[in-house]
């Protein structure tokens, strides 16, 4: 397991956004921990056309904190 810090994709509202939130993504936001093999889509409007696949510990300047469910 990896620790996910503020500013990283796993805690961003856009991580996994194209297919909606699921239990796995909610757990990452709540625990700040993620399996090192998780890869999901970035739904940030500036990146959407690129169909980026990112890990929870990736990051960019478009970070927006996800709301904990």
N, C-alpha and C. Protein backbone atom coordinates (compact mmCIF):
# COMPACT_ATOMS: atom_id res chain seq x y z
N UNK A 1 0.84 -1.18 0.00
CA UNK A 1 0.00 0.00 0.00
C UNK A 1 0.88 1.25 0.00
N UNK A 2 0.38 2.24 -0.70
CA UNK A 2 1.09 3.52 -0.76
C UNK A 2 0.26 4.58 -0.03
N UNK A 3 0.94 5.52 0.60
CA UNK A 3 0.27 6.64 1.23
C UNK A 3 0.02 7.71 0.17
N UNK A 4 -1.21 8.20 0.11
CA UNK A 4 -1.59 9.22 -0.86
C UNK A 4 -1.67 10.56 -0.12
N UNK A 5 -0.95 11.53 -0.64
CA UNK A 5 -0.86 12.85 0.00
C UNK A 5 -1.74 13.87 -0.70
N UNK A 6 -2.07 14.95 0.01
CA UNK A 6 -2.81 16.06 -0.60
C UNK A 6 -2.06 16.53 -1.84
N UNK A 7 -2.81 16.77 -2.91
CA UNK A 7 -2.22 17.20 -4.17
C UNK A 7 -1.99 16.06 -5.15
N UNK A 8 -2.16 14.82 -4.69
CA UNK A 8 -1.97 13.67 -5.57
C UNK A 8 -3.32 13.19 -6.11
N UNK A 9 -3.27 12.52 -7.24
CA UNK A 9 -4.48 12.13 -7.97
C UNK A 9 -5.48 11.33 -7.16
N UNK A 10 -5.03 10.45 -6.30
CA UNK A 10 -5.96 9.63 -5.52
C UNK A 10 -6.89 10.42 -4.64
N UNK A 11 -6.52 11.65 -4.31
CA UNK A 11 -7.36 12.50 -3.47
C UNK A 11 -8.02 13.62 -4.28
N UNK A 12 -7.93 13.52 -5.60
CA UNK A 12 -8.49 14.54 -6.50
C UNK A 12 -9.89 14.14 -6.95
N UNK A 13 -10.76 15.09 -7.07
CA UNK A 13 -12.12 14.84 -7.53
C UNK A 13 -12.15 14.28 -8.96
N UNK A 14 -11.12 14.51 -9.74
CA UNK A 14 -11.08 14.05 -11.12
C UNK A 14 -10.56 12.63 -11.29
N UNK A 15 -10.00 12.02 -10.23
CA UNK A 15 -9.47 10.66 -10.32
C UNK A 15 -10.63 9.68 -10.44
N UNK A 16 -10.71 8.98 -11.54
CA UNK A 16 -11.78 8.03 -11.78
C UNK A 16 -13.11 8.66 -12.16
N UNK A 17 -13.10 9.96 -12.37
CA UNK A 17 -14.32 10.72 -12.64
C UNK A 17 -15.11 10.24 -13.86
N UNK A 18 -14.45 9.84 -14.96
CA UNK A 18 -15.22 9.45 -16.15
C UNK A 18 -16.24 8.33 -15.93
N UNK A 19 -16.02 7.47 -14.95
CA UNK A 19 -16.97 6.39 -14.71
C UNK A 19 -17.67 6.50 -13.36
N UNK A 20 -17.55 7.63 -12.71
CA UNK A 20 -18.23 7.84 -11.44
C UNK A 20 -17.50 7.20 -10.27
N UNK A 21 -17.77 7.70 -9.08
CA UNK A 21 -17.11 7.19 -7.89
C UNK A 21 -17.52 5.76 -7.59
N UNK A 22 -16.60 5.00 -7.05
CA UNK A 22 -16.92 3.65 -6.60
C UNK A 22 -16.30 3.44 -5.23
N UNK A 23 -16.58 2.31 -4.62
CA UNK A 23 -16.10 2.05 -3.26
C UNK A 23 -14.58 2.13 -3.16
N UNK A 24 -13.89 1.65 -4.19
CA UNK A 24 -12.42 1.67 -4.17
C UNK A 24 -11.90 3.11 -4.09
N UNK A 25 -12.50 4.02 -4.87
CA UNK A 25 -12.05 5.41 -4.87
C UNK A 25 -12.42 6.12 -3.57
N UNK A 26 -13.59 5.82 -3.04
CA UNK A 26 -14.01 6.42 -1.76
C UNK A 26 -13.07 5.97 -0.65
N UNK A 27 -12.68 4.70 -0.66
CA UNK A 27 -11.77 4.19 0.34
C UNK A 27 -10.42 4.91 0.29
N UNK A 28 -9.93 5.20 -0.90
CA UNK A 28 -8.66 5.92 -1.04
C UNK A 28 -8.78 7.31 -0.41
N UNK A 29 -9.87 8.01 -0.69
CA UNK A 29 -10.06 9.35 -0.14
C UNK A 29 -10.16 9.31 1.38
N UNK A 30 -10.85 8.33 1.91
CA UNK A 30 -11.04 8.24 3.36
C UNK A 30 -9.78 7.79 4.10
N UNK A 31 -9.05 6.85 3.52
CA UNK A 31 -7.90 6.26 4.23
C UNK A 31 -6.56 6.87 3.86
N UNK A 32 -6.49 7.56 2.72
CA UNK A 32 -5.23 8.09 2.19
C UNK A 32 -4.24 6.96 1.89
N UNK A 33 -4.76 5.78 1.60
CA UNK A 33 -3.94 4.62 1.25
C UNK A 33 -4.47 4.03 -0.05
N UNK A 34 -3.57 3.54 -0.91
CA UNK A 34 -3.97 2.93 -2.17
C UNK A 34 -3.00 1.82 -2.55
N UNK A 35 -3.54 0.79 -3.15
CA UNK A 35 -2.73 -0.30 -3.68
C UNK A 35 -1.85 0.27 -4.79
N UNK A 36 -0.61 -0.14 -4.83
CA UNK A 36 0.34 0.42 -5.82
C UNK A 36 0.02 0.02 -7.25
N UNK A 37 -0.91 -0.90 -7.47
CA UNK A 37 -1.24 -1.35 -8.82
C UNK A 37 -2.48 -0.66 -9.40
N UNK A 38 -3.11 0.22 -8.65
CA UNK A 38 -4.32 0.91 -9.13
C UNK A 38 -3.95 1.94 -10.18
N UNK A 39 -4.66 1.91 -11.29
CA UNK A 39 -4.54 2.92 -12.36
C UNK A 39 -5.97 3.27 -12.77
N UNK A 40 -6.25 4.56 -12.90
CA UNK A 40 -7.60 4.97 -13.29
C UNK A 40 -7.51 6.19 -14.19
N UNK A 41 -8.65 6.57 -14.74
CA UNK A 41 -8.69 7.70 -15.67
C UNK A 41 -8.73 9.04 -14.93
N UNK A 42 -8.17 10.05 -15.58
CA UNK A 42 -8.25 11.42 -15.10
C UNK A 42 -9.35 12.12 -15.89
N UNK A 43 -10.32 12.68 -15.16
CA UNK A 43 -11.43 13.36 -15.82
C UNK A 43 -11.31 14.88 -15.83
N UNK A 44 -10.13 15.40 -15.50
CA UNK A 44 -9.96 16.86 -15.50
C UNK A 44 -10.29 17.39 -16.90
N UNK A 45 -11.09 18.44 -16.99
CA UNK A 45 -11.50 18.96 -18.31
C UNK A 45 -10.34 19.26 -19.25
N UNK A 46 -9.22 19.73 -18.74
CA UNK A 46 -8.08 20.04 -19.60
C UNK A 46 -7.39 18.78 -20.12
N UNK A 47 -7.62 17.65 -19.44
CA UNK A 47 -6.94 16.40 -19.80
C UNK A 47 -7.88 15.37 -20.40
N UNK A 48 -9.18 15.61 -20.35
CA UNK A 48 -10.17 14.60 -20.75
C UNK A 48 -9.93 14.06 -22.16
N UNK A 49 -9.59 14.91 -23.09
CA UNK A 49 -9.40 14.45 -24.46
C UNK A 49 -8.18 13.55 -24.61
N UNK A 50 -7.29 13.56 -23.63
CA UNK A 50 -6.09 12.73 -23.68
C UNK A 50 -6.33 11.33 -23.12
N UNK A 51 -7.44 11.16 -22.39
CA UNK A 51 -7.76 9.87 -21.77
C UNK A 51 -6.59 9.36 -20.92
N UNK A 52 -6.07 10.23 -20.08
CA UNK A 52 -4.93 9.88 -19.24
C UNK A 52 -5.28 8.78 -18.25
N UNK A 53 -4.35 7.89 -18.05
CA UNK A 53 -4.43 6.86 -17.02
C UNK A 53 -3.36 7.21 -15.99
N UNK A 54 -3.77 7.37 -14.74
CA UNK A 54 -2.86 7.81 -13.69
C UNK A 54 -2.97 6.91 -12.47
N UNK A 55 -1.96 6.95 -11.64
CA UNK A 55 -1.97 6.22 -10.38
C UNK A 55 -2.42 7.18 -9.27
N UNK A 56 -2.80 6.65 -8.11
CA UNK A 56 -3.22 7.53 -7.02
C UNK A 56 -2.12 8.48 -6.54
N UNK A 57 -0.85 8.13 -6.76
CA UNK A 57 0.22 9.02 -6.30
C UNK A 57 0.73 9.95 -7.40
N UNK A 58 0.10 9.91 -8.58
CA UNK A 58 0.43 10.87 -9.64
C UNK A 58 -0.11 12.23 -9.21
N UNK A 59 0.21 13.27 -9.96
CA UNK A 59 -0.29 14.60 -9.62
C UNK A 59 -0.12 15.58 -10.76
N UNK A 60 -0.86 16.69 -10.67
CA UNK A 60 -0.74 17.77 -11.65
C UNK A 60 -1.21 19.08 -11.01
N UNK A 61 -1.09 20.16 -11.74
CA UNK A 61 -1.50 21.47 -11.23
C UNK A 61 -3.01 21.65 -11.21
N UNK A 62 -3.77 20.71 -11.75
CA UNK A 62 -5.22 20.82 -11.79
C UNK A 62 -5.91 20.14 -10.60
N UNK A 63 -5.15 19.80 -9.56
CA UNK A 63 -5.72 19.10 -8.41
C UNK A 63 -6.88 19.87 -7.79
N UNK A 64 -7.98 19.15 -7.54
CA UNK A 64 -9.12 19.67 -6.80
C UNK A 64 -9.50 18.60 -5.79
N UNK A 65 -9.49 18.93 -4.50
CA UNK A 65 -9.74 17.90 -3.49
C UNK A 65 -11.10 17.22 -3.63
N UNK A 66 -11.09 15.90 -3.53
CA UNK A 66 -12.33 15.12 -3.56
C UNK A 66 -13.01 15.24 -2.21
N UNK A 67 -14.32 15.21 -2.22
CA UNK A 67 -15.10 15.23 -0.98
C UNK A 67 -15.17 13.82 -0.44
N UNK A 68 -14.88 13.66 0.83
CA UNK A 68 -15.00 12.34 1.46
C UNK A 68 -16.48 12.01 1.62
N UNK A 69 -16.84 10.82 1.20
CA UNK A 69 -18.25 10.42 1.25
C UNK A 69 -18.68 10.07 2.64
